[in-house]
Amino acid sequence: MKIRSLISLLRHSSAKSVKKKEVVIPKGATNKDIFFVRKGIVRSFYYDEEKLEEITFQLYPEHKPVLNIHSILFNEPSRFTYQALEDTKVYQINYDALLELTSQNRDLLELNRRFFARNAMRQAVLRVESFVFMSPEERYLKYVSDYPNLVNRVPDKYIANVLGITPVSLSRIRMRIAAKKQ
């Protein structure tokens, strides 16, 4: 991307600091803001009324976009709450403003297509496929490979939720992996 395009994008976005446990996007929100995590972690979760607990859907560490996909793609309220897990710094831009910018700038149009839209769809497809084609242990190993520093920064229950397993299963998987290494 050309430096002029990047400057234009940054000029239309704002830097924001989010405190630990602060909600970035509340459940039910219809805003179309996109956040790009510069430092920190954001998690998306929903509250399971039957189990009376929060279920983490996704973790967004540094260099990942956080967006209310339901509002942006489907014009629906967010089904998830997005919350900072640690003090977090983000860039924020409204999706409609991004569309306006991309209509005027070919480089930014490609960024929008590749980075935001394709990345969101790719992540969704890969996640579904991981549940079809991979065992829980394989999903864990792939997750650790993709996000090596995340496992030491977030509670195990969040990682277990993202992997679709219980914290007890996560502990067993880690013990099996450790035993194989010895």
N, C-alpha and C. Protein backbone atom coordinates (compact mmCIF):
# COMPACT_ATOMS: atom_id res chain seq x y z
N MET A 1 0.84 -1.18 0.00
CA MET A 1 0.00 0.00 0.00
C MET A 1 0.88 1.23 0.00
N LYS A 2 0.48 2.22 -0.74
CA LYS A 2 1.24 3.45 -0.82
C LYS A 2 1.12 4.22 0.49
N ILE A 3 2.18 4.94 0.84
CA ILE A 3 2.22 5.69 2.09
C ILE A 3 1.10 6.74 2.14
N ARG A 4 0.80 7.33 1.02
CA ARG A 4 -0.27 8.34 0.96
C ARG A 4 -1.63 7.71 1.34
N SER A 5 -1.86 6.48 0.90
CA SER A 5 -3.11 5.78 1.22
C SER A 5 -3.18 5.48 2.72
N LEU A 6 -2.05 5.05 3.27
CA LEU A 6 -2.00 4.74 4.68
C LEU A 6 -2.24 6.00 5.52
N ILE A 7 -1.66 7.10 5.13
CA ILE A 7 -1.85 8.37 5.84
C ILE A 7 -3.32 8.78 5.78
N SER A 8 -3.94 8.60 4.64
CA SER A 8 -5.36 8.92 4.49
C SER A 8 -6.21 8.07 5.43
N LEU A 9 -5.89 6.79 5.50
CA LEU A 9 -6.62 5.89 6.39
C LEU A 9 -6.45 6.30 7.85
N LEU A 10 -5.21 6.58 8.24
CA LEU A 10 -4.95 6.98 9.63
C LEU A 10 -5.61 8.32 9.97
N ARG A 11 -5.68 9.21 9.01
CA ARG A 11 -6.31 10.51 9.22
C ARG A 11 -7.80 10.36 9.52
N HIS A 12 -8.42 9.34 8.96
CA HIS A 12 -9.85 9.12 9.15
C HIS A 12 -10.16 8.16 10.30
N SER A 13 -9.13 7.66 10.95
CA SER A 13 -9.33 6.79 12.11
C SER A 13 -8.88 7.54 13.36
N SER A 14 -9.25 7.00 14.48
CA SER A 14 -8.83 7.62 15.73
C SER A 14 -8.17 6.57 16.63
N ALA A 15 -7.16 7.01 17.35
CA ALA A 15 -6.50 6.13 18.32
C ALA A 15 -7.32 6.17 19.60
N LYS A 16 -7.47 5.02 20.20
CA LYS A 16 -8.29 4.93 21.41
C LYS A 16 -7.63 3.97 22.39
N SER A 17 -7.68 4.33 23.67
CA SER A 17 -7.21 3.43 24.72
C SER A 17 -8.43 2.86 25.43
N VAL A 18 -8.39 1.57 25.67
CA VAL A 18 -9.50 0.88 26.31
C VAL A 18 -8.95 0.20 27.56
N LYS A 19 -9.57 0.46 28.68
CA LYS A 19 -9.12 -0.14 29.94
C LYS A 19 -9.53 -1.62 30.03
N LYS A 20 -8.77 -2.36 30.81
CA LYS A 20 -9.07 -3.77 31.07
C LYS A 20 -10.52 -3.89 31.55
N LYS A 21 -11.26 -4.83 30.98
CA LYS A 21 -12.67 -5.14 31.27
C LYS A 21 -13.66 -4.15 30.67
N GLU A 22 -13.15 -3.11 30.01
CA GLU A 22 -14.05 -2.15 29.37
C GLU A 22 -14.66 -2.77 28.11
N VAL A 23 -15.94 -2.52 27.90
CA VAL A 23 -16.62 -3.05 26.73
C VAL A 23 -16.31 -2.16 25.53
N VAL A 24 -15.88 -2.80 24.45
CA VAL A 24 -15.56 -2.10 23.20
C VAL A 24 -16.82 -2.02 22.33
N ILE A 25 -17.52 -3.14 22.20
CA ILE A 25 -18.79 -3.21 21.47
C ILE A 25 -19.76 -3.99 22.34
N PRO A 26 -20.85 -3.38 22.77
CA PRO A 26 -21.81 -4.12 23.59
C PRO A 26 -22.71 -5.03 22.76
N LYS A 27 -23.21 -6.08 23.39
CA LYS A 27 -24.20 -6.94 22.74
C LYS A 27 -25.39 -6.07 22.36
N GLY A 28 -25.92 -6.29 21.18
CA GLY A 28 -27.06 -5.52 20.73
C GLY A 28 -26.70 -4.24 19.98
N ALA A 29 -25.41 -3.92 19.95
CA ALA A 29 -24.98 -2.70 19.25
C ALA A 29 -25.20 -2.84 17.75
N THR A 30 -25.48 -1.73 17.13
CA THR A 30 -25.66 -1.73 15.68
C THR A 30 -24.62 -0.85 15.00
N ASN A 31 -23.63 -0.39 15.78
CA ASN A 31 -22.60 0.46 15.18
C ASN A 31 -21.74 -0.33 14.21
N LYS A 32 -21.13 0.37 13.31
CA LYS A 32 -20.31 -0.26 12.28
C LYS A 32 -18.86 0.17 12.39
N ASP A 33 -18.39 0.30 13.62
CA ASP A 33 -17.00 0.67 13.83
C ASP A 33 -16.10 -0.55 13.70
N ILE A 34 -14.95 -0.33 13.11
CA ILE A 34 -13.92 -1.36 13.02
C ILE A 34 -12.77 -0.91 13.91
N PHE A 35 -12.27 -1.83 14.70
CA PHE A 35 -11.15 -1.56 15.60
C PHE A 35 -9.99 -2.44 15.15
N PHE A 36 -8.82 -1.86 15.13
CA PHE A 36 -7.61 -2.62 14.83
C PHE A 36 -6.76 -2.60 16.09
N VAL A 37 -6.50 -3.78 16.65
CA VAL A 37 -5.78 -3.87 17.92
C VAL A 37 -4.30 -3.59 17.70
N ARG A 38 -3.83 -2.51 18.31
CA ARG A 38 -2.40 -2.17 18.26
C ARG A 38 -1.66 -2.86 19.39
N LYS A 39 -2.27 -2.89 20.57
CA LYS A 39 -1.65 -3.50 21.75
C LYS A 39 -2.78 -3.98 22.65
N GLY A 40 -2.67 -5.20 23.14
CA GLY A 40 -3.69 -5.73 24.03
C GLY A 40 -4.47 -6.87 23.41
N ILE A 41 -5.59 -7.20 24.06
CA ILE A 41 -6.44 -8.30 23.62
C ILE A 41 -7.90 -7.91 23.84
N VAL A 42 -8.71 -8.23 22.86
CA VAL A 42 -10.16 -8.08 22.98
C VAL A 42 -10.76 -9.47 22.83
N ARG A 43 -11.78 -9.76 23.61
CA ARG A 43 -12.47 -11.04 23.45
C ARG A 43 -13.93 -10.77 23.13
N SER A 44 -14.50 -11.65 22.32
CA SER A 44 -15.94 -11.60 22.07
C SER A 44 -16.56 -12.77 22.83
N PHE A 45 -17.70 -12.50 23.45
CA PHE A 45 -18.37 -13.55 24.21
C PHE A 45 -19.87 -13.32 24.23
N TYR A 46 -20.58 -14.36 24.59
CA TYR A 46 -22.02 -14.24 24.83
C TYR A 46 -22.31 -14.87 26.18
N TYR A 47 -23.45 -14.52 26.74
CA TYR A 47 -23.84 -15.05 28.03
C TYR A 47 -24.84 -16.18 27.80
N ASP A 48 -24.49 -17.38 28.23
CA ASP A 48 -25.36 -18.55 28.10
C ASP A 48 -26.35 -18.55 29.26
N GLU A 49 -27.61 -18.27 28.97
CA GLU A 49 -28.65 -18.17 30.00
C GLU A 49 -28.88 -19.50 30.72
N GLU A 50 -28.75 -20.61 30.01
CA GLU A 50 -28.97 -21.92 30.63
C GLU A 50 -27.85 -22.29 31.59
N LYS A 51 -26.60 -22.09 31.16
CA LYS A 51 -25.45 -22.44 31.99
C LYS A 51 -25.07 -21.33 32.97
N LEU A 52 -25.67 -20.15 32.77
CA LEU A 52 -25.37 -18.97 33.59
C LEU A 52 -23.88 -18.65 33.60
N GLU A 53 -23.30 -18.64 32.38
CA GLU A 53 -21.88 -18.32 32.27
C GLU A 53 -21.58 -17.66 30.93
N GLU A 54 -20.47 -16.95 30.91
CA GLU A 54 -19.99 -16.35 29.67
C GLU A 54 -19.25 -17.39 28.86
N ILE A 55 -19.51 -17.39 27.56
CA ILE A 55 -18.83 -18.30 26.65
C ILE A 55 -18.03 -17.44 25.67
N THR A 56 -16.72 -17.60 25.70
CA THR A 56 -15.84 -16.83 24.81
C THR A 56 -15.90 -17.42 23.42
N PHE A 57 -16.17 -16.55 22.44
CA PHE A 57 -16.25 -16.98 21.05
C PHE A 57 -14.91 -16.82 20.35
N GLN A 58 -14.26 -15.66 20.57
CA GLN A 58 -13.01 -15.38 19.86
C GLN A 58 -12.12 -14.46 20.68
N LEU A 59 -10.82 -14.56 20.48
CA LEU A 59 -9.84 -13.68 21.09
C LEU A 59 -9.12 -12.93 19.97
N TYR A 60 -8.97 -11.62 20.14
CA TYR A 60 -8.35 -10.77 19.12
C TYR A 60 -7.11 -10.09 19.71
N PRO A 61 -5.93 -10.65 19.45
CA PRO A 61 -4.69 -10.02 19.96
C PRO A 61 -4.20 -8.94 19.00
N GLU A 62 -3.01 -8.47 19.23
CA GLU A 62 -2.39 -7.44 18.41
C GLU A 62 -2.48 -7.77 16.92
N HIS A 63 -2.67 -6.72 16.14
CA HIS A 63 -2.68 -6.77 14.67
C HIS A 63 -3.89 -7.49 14.09
N LYS A 64 -4.96 -7.59 14.87
CA LYS A 64 -6.19 -8.21 14.38
C LYS A 64 -7.32 -7.18 14.38
N PRO A 65 -8.17 -7.24 13.36
CA PRO A 65 -9.34 -6.35 13.36
C PRO A 65 -10.45 -6.92 14.22
N VAL A 66 -11.17 -6.03 14.88
CA VAL A 66 -12.33 -6.39 15.68
C VAL A 66 -13.50 -5.63 15.09
N LEU A 67 -14.52 -6.36 14.66
CA LEU A 67 -15.66 -5.68 14.06
C LEU A 67 -16.94 -6.42 14.36
N ASN A 68 -18.02 -5.66 14.39
CA ASN A 68 -19.34 -6.20 14.62
C ASN A 68 -19.85 -6.72 13.28
N ILE A 69 -19.50 -7.94 12.99
CA ILE A 69 -19.78 -8.52 11.67
C ILE A 69 -21.28 -8.57 11.40
N HIS A 70 -22.08 -8.75 12.44
CA HIS A 70 -23.54 -8.81 12.25
C HIS A 70 -24.09 -7.49 11.71
N SER A 71 -23.59 -6.38 12.23
CA SER A 71 -24.05 -5.07 11.75
C SER A 71 -23.48 -4.74 10.37
N ILE A 72 -22.20 -5.00 10.19
CA ILE A 72 -21.54 -4.63 8.95
C ILE A 72 -22.06 -5.44 7.76
N LEU A 73 -22.16 -6.74 7.92
CA LEU A 73 -22.57 -7.58 6.79
C LEU A 73 -24.08 -7.80 6.68
N PHE A 74 -24.76 -7.85 7.83
CA PHE A 74 -26.17 -8.25 7.81
C PHE A 74 -27.14 -7.19 8.34
N ASN A 75 -26.61 -6.04 8.75
CA ASN A 75 -27.45 -4.97 9.31
C ASN A 75 -28.25 -5.45 10.53
N GLU A 76 -27.64 -6.28 11.35
CA GLU A 76 -28.28 -6.83 12.55
C GLU A 76 -27.50 -6.39 13.78
N PRO A 77 -28.15 -6.38 14.94
CA PRO A 77 -27.43 -6.06 16.18
C PRO A 77 -26.38 -7.13 16.50
N SER A 78 -25.35 -6.73 17.20
CA SER A 78 -24.29 -7.66 17.60
C SER A 78 -24.86 -8.74 18.50
N ARG A 79 -24.45 -9.95 18.27
CA ARG A 79 -24.85 -11.07 19.13
C ARG A 79 -23.85 -11.28 20.27
N PHE A 80 -22.72 -10.58 20.17
CA PHE A 80 -21.66 -10.76 21.14
C PHE A 80 -21.34 -9.44 21.84
N THR A 81 -20.71 -9.57 23.00
CA THR A 81 -20.09 -8.44 23.68
C THR A 81 -18.61 -8.54 23.40
N TYR A 82 -17.98 -7.41 23.10
CA TYR A 82 -16.54 -7.36 22.85
C TYR A 82 -15.92 -6.57 23.99
N GLN A 83 -14.98 -7.18 24.69
CA GLN A 83 -14.42 -6.59 25.91
C GLN A 83 -12.90 -6.71 25.91
N ALA A 84 -12.24 -5.67 26.40
CA ALA A 84 -10.78 -5.69 26.53
C ALA A 84 -10.39 -6.60 27.70
N LEU A 85 -9.44 -7.49 27.46
CA LEU A 85 -8.95 -8.39 28.51
C LEU A 85 -7.78 -7.79 29.27
N GLU A 86 -7.15 -6.81 28.68
CA GLU A 86 -6.08 -6.08 29.32
C GLU A 86 -6.14 -4.65 28.78
N ASP A 87 -5.40 -3.76 29.36
CA ASP A 87 -5.39 -2.40 28.81
C ASP A 87 -5.00 -2.53 27.34
N THR A 88 -5.82 -1.94 26.48
CA THR A 88 -5.70 -2.17 25.05
C THR A 88 -5.70 -0.86 24.29
N LYS A 89 -4.90 -0.81 23.24
CA LYS A 89 -4.87 0.36 22.35
C LYS A 89 -5.34 -0.08 20.97
N VAL A 90 -6.26 0.69 20.41
CA VAL A 90 -6.83 0.36 19.11
C VAL A 90 -6.87 1.59 18.22
N TYR A 91 -6.94 1.33 16.92
CA TYR A 91 -7.34 2.35 15.96
C TYR A 91 -8.81 2.06 15.66
N GLN A 92 -9.60 3.10 15.52
CA GLN A 92 -11.03 2.95 15.29
C GLN A 92 -11.44 3.75 14.06
N ILE A 93 -12.22 3.11 13.19
CA ILE A 93 -12.76 3.80 12.03
C ILE A 93 -14.16 3.25 11.76
N ASN A 94 -15.06 4.12 11.37
CA ASN A 94 -16.40 3.68 11.02
C ASN A 94 -16.37 3.01 9.65
N TYR A 95 -17.08 1.92 9.51
CA TYR A 95 -17.07 1.17 8.26
C TYR A 95 -17.60 2.00 7.09
N ASP A 96 -18.63 2.81 7.33
CA ASP A 96 -19.15 3.65 6.25
C ASP A 96 -18.10 4.67 5.80
N ALA A 97 -17.34 5.21 6.76
CA ALA A 97 -16.25 6.13 6.41
C ALA A 97 -15.17 5.39 5.62
N LEU A 98 -14.90 4.16 6.00
CA LEU A 98 -13.93 3.35 5.27
C LEU A 98 -14.41 3.09 3.84
N LEU A 99 -15.69 2.80 3.69
CA LEU A 99 -16.23 2.60 2.34
C LEU A 99 -16.11 3.86 1.50
N GLU A 100 -16.37 5.01 2.12
CA GLU A 100 -16.23 6.28 1.40
C GLU A 100 -14.78 6.49 0.96
N LEU A 101 -13.86 6.21 1.88
CA LEU A 101 -12.43 6.33 1.54
C LEU A 101 -12.04 5.37 0.42
N THR A 102 -12.51 4.13 0.52
CA THR A 102 -12.12 3.13 -0.48
C THR A 102 -12.71 3.44 -1.85
N SER A 103 -13.84 4.12 -1.88
CA SER A 103 -14.42 4.47 -3.18
C SER A 103 -13.56 5.51 -3.91
N GLN A 104 -12.72 6.21 -3.15
CA GLN A 104 -11.88 7.26 -3.71
C GLN A 104 -10.42 6.82 -3.88
N ASN A 105 -10.09 5.63 -3.38
CA ASN A 105 -8.69 5.23 -3.35
C ASN A 105 -8.57 3.72 -3.63
N ARG A 106 -8.00 3.38 -4.75
CA ARG A 106 -7.89 1.99 -5.18
C ARG A 106 -7.08 1.13 -4.19
N ASP A 107 -6.01 1.68 -3.62
CA ASP A 107 -5.20 0.93 -2.66
C ASP A 107 -6.02 0.57 -1.42
N LEU A 108 -6.81 1.53 -0.96
CA LEU A 108 -7.64 1.26 0.22
C LEU A 108 -8.78 0.32 -0.10
N LEU A 109 -9.27 0.36 -1.32
CA LEU A 109 -10.31 -0.58 -1.74
C LEU A 109 -9.79 -2.00 -1.62
N GLU A 110 -8.57 -2.21 -2.08
CA GLU A 110 -7.97 -3.54 -2.00
C GLU A 110 -7.74 -3.94 -0.54
N LEU A 111 -7.33 -3.00 0.29
CA LEU A 111 -7.16 -3.28 1.73
C LEU A 111 -8.49 -3.71 2.32
N ASN A 112 -9.55 -2.99 2.00
CA ASN A 112 -10.86 -3.33 2.54
C ASN A 112 -11.28 -4.72 2.09
N ARG A 113 -11.10 -5.02 0.84
CA ARG A 113 -11.48 -6.34 0.33
C ARG A 113 -10.66 -7.45 0.97
N ARG A 114 -9.36 -7.26 0.95
CA ARG A 114 -8.46 -8.31 1.45
C ARG A 114 -8.48 -8.43 2.96
N PHE A 115 -8.22 -7.33 3.60
CA PHE A 115 -7.96 -7.39 5.03
C PHE A 115 -9.22 -7.55 5.86
N PHE A 116 -10.21 -6.73 5.62
CA PHE A 116 -11.38 -6.77 6.48
C PHE A 116 -12.38 -7.83 6.04
N ALA A 117 -12.87 -7.74 4.82
CA ALA A 117 -13.91 -8.66 4.38
C ALA A 117 -13.40 -10.09 4.23
N ARG A 118 -12.34 -10.25 3.48
CA ARG A 118 -11.83 -11.61 3.28
C ARG A 118 -11.30 -12.22 4.56
N ASN A 119 -10.63 -11.41 5.37
CA ASN A 119 -10.08 -11.92 6.62
C ASN A 119 -11.20 -12.42 7.53
N ALA A 120 -12.28 -11.65 7.63
CA ALA A 120 -13.40 -12.06 8.48
C ALA A 120 -14.02 -13.36 7.97
N MET A 121 -14.23 -13.44 6.67
CA MET A 121 -14.82 -14.65 6.10
C MET A 121 -13.86 -15.84 6.21
N ARG A 122 -12.59 -15.59 5.98
CA ARG A 122 -11.59 -16.67 6.08
C ARG A 122 -11.55 -17.22 7.49
N GLN A 123 -11.54 -16.33 8.48
CA GLN A 123 -11.51 -16.78 9.88
C GLN A 123 -12.72 -17.63 10.21
N ALA A 124 -13.89 -17.21 9.73
CA ALA A 124 -15.11 -17.97 10.00
C ALA A 124 -15.06 -19.36 9.36
N VAL A 125 -14.64 -19.41 8.11
CA VAL A 125 -14.57 -20.70 7.41
C VAL A 125 -13.53 -21.61 8.06
N LEU A 126 -12.35 -21.08 8.37
CA LEU A 126 -11.32 -21.90 8.99
C LEU A 126 -11.75 -22.43 10.35
N ARG A 127 -12.48 -21.61 11.09
CA ARG A 127 -12.94 -22.07 12.40
C ARG A 127 -13.93 -23.22 12.25
N VAL A 128 -14.89 -23.08 11.36
CA VAL A 128 -15.86 -24.16 11.14
C VAL A 128 -15.14 -25.42 10.67
N GLU A 129 -14.23 -25.27 9.72
CA GLU A 129 -13.49 -26.42 9.21
C GLU A 129 -12.67 -27.09 10.30
N SER A 130 -12.12 -26.31 11.22
CA SER A 130 -11.31 -26.92 12.28
C SER A 130 -12.14 -27.86 13.14
N PHE A 131 -13.41 -27.54 13.33
CA PHE A 131 -14.27 -28.42 14.12
C PHE A 131 -14.66 -29.67 13.34
N VAL A 132 -14.63 -29.59 12.03
CA VAL A 132 -14.99 -30.74 11.20
C VAL A 132 -13.78 -31.65 10.97
N PHE A 133 -12.63 -31.06 10.67
CA PHE A 133 -11.48 -31.84 10.22
C PHE A 133 -10.40 -32.09 11.28
N MET A 134 -10.46 -31.40 12.41
CA MET A 134 -9.38 -31.53 13.39
C MET A 134 -9.89 -32.05 14.73
N SER A 135 -9.04 -32.80 15.39
CA SER A 135 -9.36 -33.24 16.75
C SER A 135 -9.14 -32.06 17.70
N PRO A 136 -9.66 -32.12 18.91
CA PRO A 136 -9.40 -31.04 19.87
C PRO A 136 -7.91 -30.78 20.09
N GLU A 137 -7.11 -31.85 20.13
CA GLU A 137 -5.67 -31.67 20.32
C GLU A 137 -5.05 -30.96 19.12
N GLU A 138 -5.47 -31.31 17.92
CA GLU A 138 -4.95 -30.64 16.73
C GLU A 138 -5.37 -29.17 16.71
N ARG A 139 -6.62 -28.89 17.13
CA ARG A 139 -7.08 -27.49 17.20
C ARG A 139 -6.23 -26.71 18.19
N TYR A 140 -5.92 -27.32 19.33
CA TYR A 140 -5.09 -26.64 20.33
C TYR A 140 -3.69 -26.36 19.78
N LEU A 141 -3.07 -27.36 19.17
CA LEU A 141 -1.72 -27.18 18.63
C LEU A 141 -1.70 -26.10 17.55
N LYS A 142 -2.71 -26.06 16.71
CA LYS A 142 -2.80 -25.03 15.67
C LYS A 142 -2.99 -23.66 16.31
N TYR A 143 -3.82 -23.58 17.33
CA TYR A 143 -4.07 -22.31 18.00
C TYR A 143 -2.79 -21.78 18.65
N VAL A 144 -2.08 -22.66 19.32
CA VAL A 144 -0.81 -22.26 19.96
C VAL A 144 0.21 -21.84 18.90
N SER A 145 0.20 -22.51 17.78
CA SER A 145 1.10 -22.15 16.69
C SER A 145 0.74 -20.77 16.11
N ASP A 146 -0.54 -20.53 15.95
CA ASP A 146 -1.00 -19.26 15.38
C ASP A 146 -0.88 -18.10 16.37
N TYR A 147 -1.08 -18.38 17.66
CA TYR A 147 -1.07 -17.34 18.70
C TYR A 147 -0.20 -17.77 19.87
N PRO A 148 1.11 -17.86 19.66
CA PRO A 148 2.00 -18.43 20.69
C PRO A 148 2.01 -17.69 22.02
N ASN A 149 1.84 -16.38 22.01
CA ASN A 149 1.92 -15.67 23.29
C ASN A 149 0.56 -15.50 23.96
N LEU A 150 -0.50 -15.93 23.31
CA LEU A 150 -1.83 -15.75 23.88
C LEU A 150 -2.09 -16.67 25.06
N VAL A 151 -1.58 -17.89 25.00
CA VAL A 151 -1.88 -18.86 26.05
C VAL A 151 -1.37 -18.43 27.42
N ASN A 152 -0.40 -17.57 27.46
CA ASN A 152 0.12 -17.09 28.73
C ASN A 152 -0.53 -15.78 29.19
N ARG A 153 -1.40 -15.24 28.36
CA ARG A 153 -2.00 -13.94 28.67
C ARG A 153 -3.48 -14.00 29.01
N VAL A 154 -4.13 -15.10 28.69
CA VAL A 154 -5.57 -15.19 28.94
C VAL A 154 -5.89 -16.43 29.76
N PRO A 155 -6.99 -16.39 30.52
CA PRO A 155 -7.37 -17.58 31.30
C PRO A 155 -7.65 -18.79 30.41
N ASP A 156 -7.31 -19.96 30.93
CA ASP A 156 -7.50 -21.20 30.18
C ASP A 156 -8.95 -21.40 29.75
N LYS A 157 -9.90 -20.96 30.57
CA LYS A 157 -11.31 -21.18 30.21
C LYS A 157 -11.67 -20.46 28.92
N TYR A 158 -11.04 -19.32 28.64
CA TYR A 158 -11.32 -18.61 27.39
C TYR A 158 -10.76 -19.37 26.20
N ILE A 159 -9.56 -19.89 26.34
CA ILE A 159 -8.96 -20.68 25.26
C ILE A 159 -9.77 -21.94 25.02
N ALA A 160 -10.18 -22.60 26.11
CA ALA A 160 -11.01 -23.80 25.98
C ALA A 160 -12.30 -23.48 25.24
N ASN A 161 -12.96 -22.38 25.58
CA ASN A 161 -14.19 -21.97 24.88
C ASN A 161 -13.95 -21.79 23.40
N VAL A 162 -12.89 -21.08 23.04
CA VAL A 162 -12.59 -20.82 21.63
C VAL A 162 -12.36 -22.15 20.89
N LEU A 163 -11.75 -23.10 21.56
CA LEU A 163 -11.47 -24.40 20.94
C LEU A 163 -12.67 -25.35 20.98
N GLY A 164 -13.72 -24.96 21.70
CA GLY A 164 -14.92 -25.80 21.78
C GLY A 164 -14.77 -26.98 22.71
N ILE A 165 -13.93 -26.83 23.74
CA ILE A 165 -13.71 -27.91 24.71
C ILE A 165 -13.85 -27.35 26.13
N THR A 166 -13.85 -28.23 27.10
CA THR A 166 -13.92 -27.79 28.49
C THR A 166 -12.50 -27.48 29.00
N PRO A 167 -12.40 -26.69 30.05
CA PRO A 167 -11.08 -26.46 30.65
C PRO A 167 -10.39 -27.76 31.11
N VAL A 168 -11.18 -28.72 31.57
CA VAL A 168 -10.61 -30.01 31.98
C VAL A 168 -10.01 -30.73 30.78
N SER A 169 -10.72 -30.71 29.65
CA SER A 169 -10.18 -31.32 28.42
C SER A 169 -8.91 -30.61 27.97
N LEU A 170 -8.88 -29.29 28.09
CA LEU A 170 -7.68 -28.54 27.72
C LEU A 170 -6.50 -28.97 28.58
N SER A 171 -6.73 -29.14 29.86
CA SER A 171 -5.68 -29.58 30.78
C SER A 171 -5.17 -30.97 30.38
N ARG A 172 -6.06 -31.87 30.03
CA ARG A 172 -5.67 -33.23 29.62
C ARG A 172 -4.85 -33.19 28.32
N ILE A 173 -5.29 -32.36 27.39
CA ILE A 173 -4.55 -32.22 26.13
C ILE A 173 -3.13 -31.74 26.40
N ARG A 174 -3.00 -30.75 27.25
CA ARG A 174 -1.66 -30.23 27.58
C ARG A 174 -0.80 -31.29 28.25
N MET A 175 -1.41 -32.10 29.12
CA MET A 175 -0.64 -33.17 29.78
C MET A 175 -0.19 -34.22 28.76
N ARG A 176 -1.06 -34.58 27.81
CA ARG A 176 -0.68 -35.54 26.76
C ARG A 176 0.46 -35.01 25.91
N ILE A 177 0.38 -33.74 25.56
CA ILE A 177 1.43 -33.12 24.73
C ILE A 177 2.75 -33.11 25.50
N ALA A 178 2.69 -32.75 26.77
CA ALA A 178 3.91 -32.72 27.60
C ALA A 178 4.51 -34.12 27.74
N ALA A 179 3.66 -35.14 27.89
CA ALA A 179 4.14 -36.52 28.03
C ALA A 179 4.81 -37.00 26.73
N LYS A 180 4.27 -36.57 25.59
CA LYS A 180 4.86 -36.96 24.29
C LYS A 180 6.24 -36.35 24.11
N LYS A 181 6.46 -35.17 24.68
CA LYS A 181 7.75 -34.49 24.54
C LYS A 181 8.83 -35.12 25.39
N GLN A 182 8.45 -35.88 26.41
CA GLN A 182 9.44 -36.48 27.31
C GLN A 182 9.93 -37.80 26.85
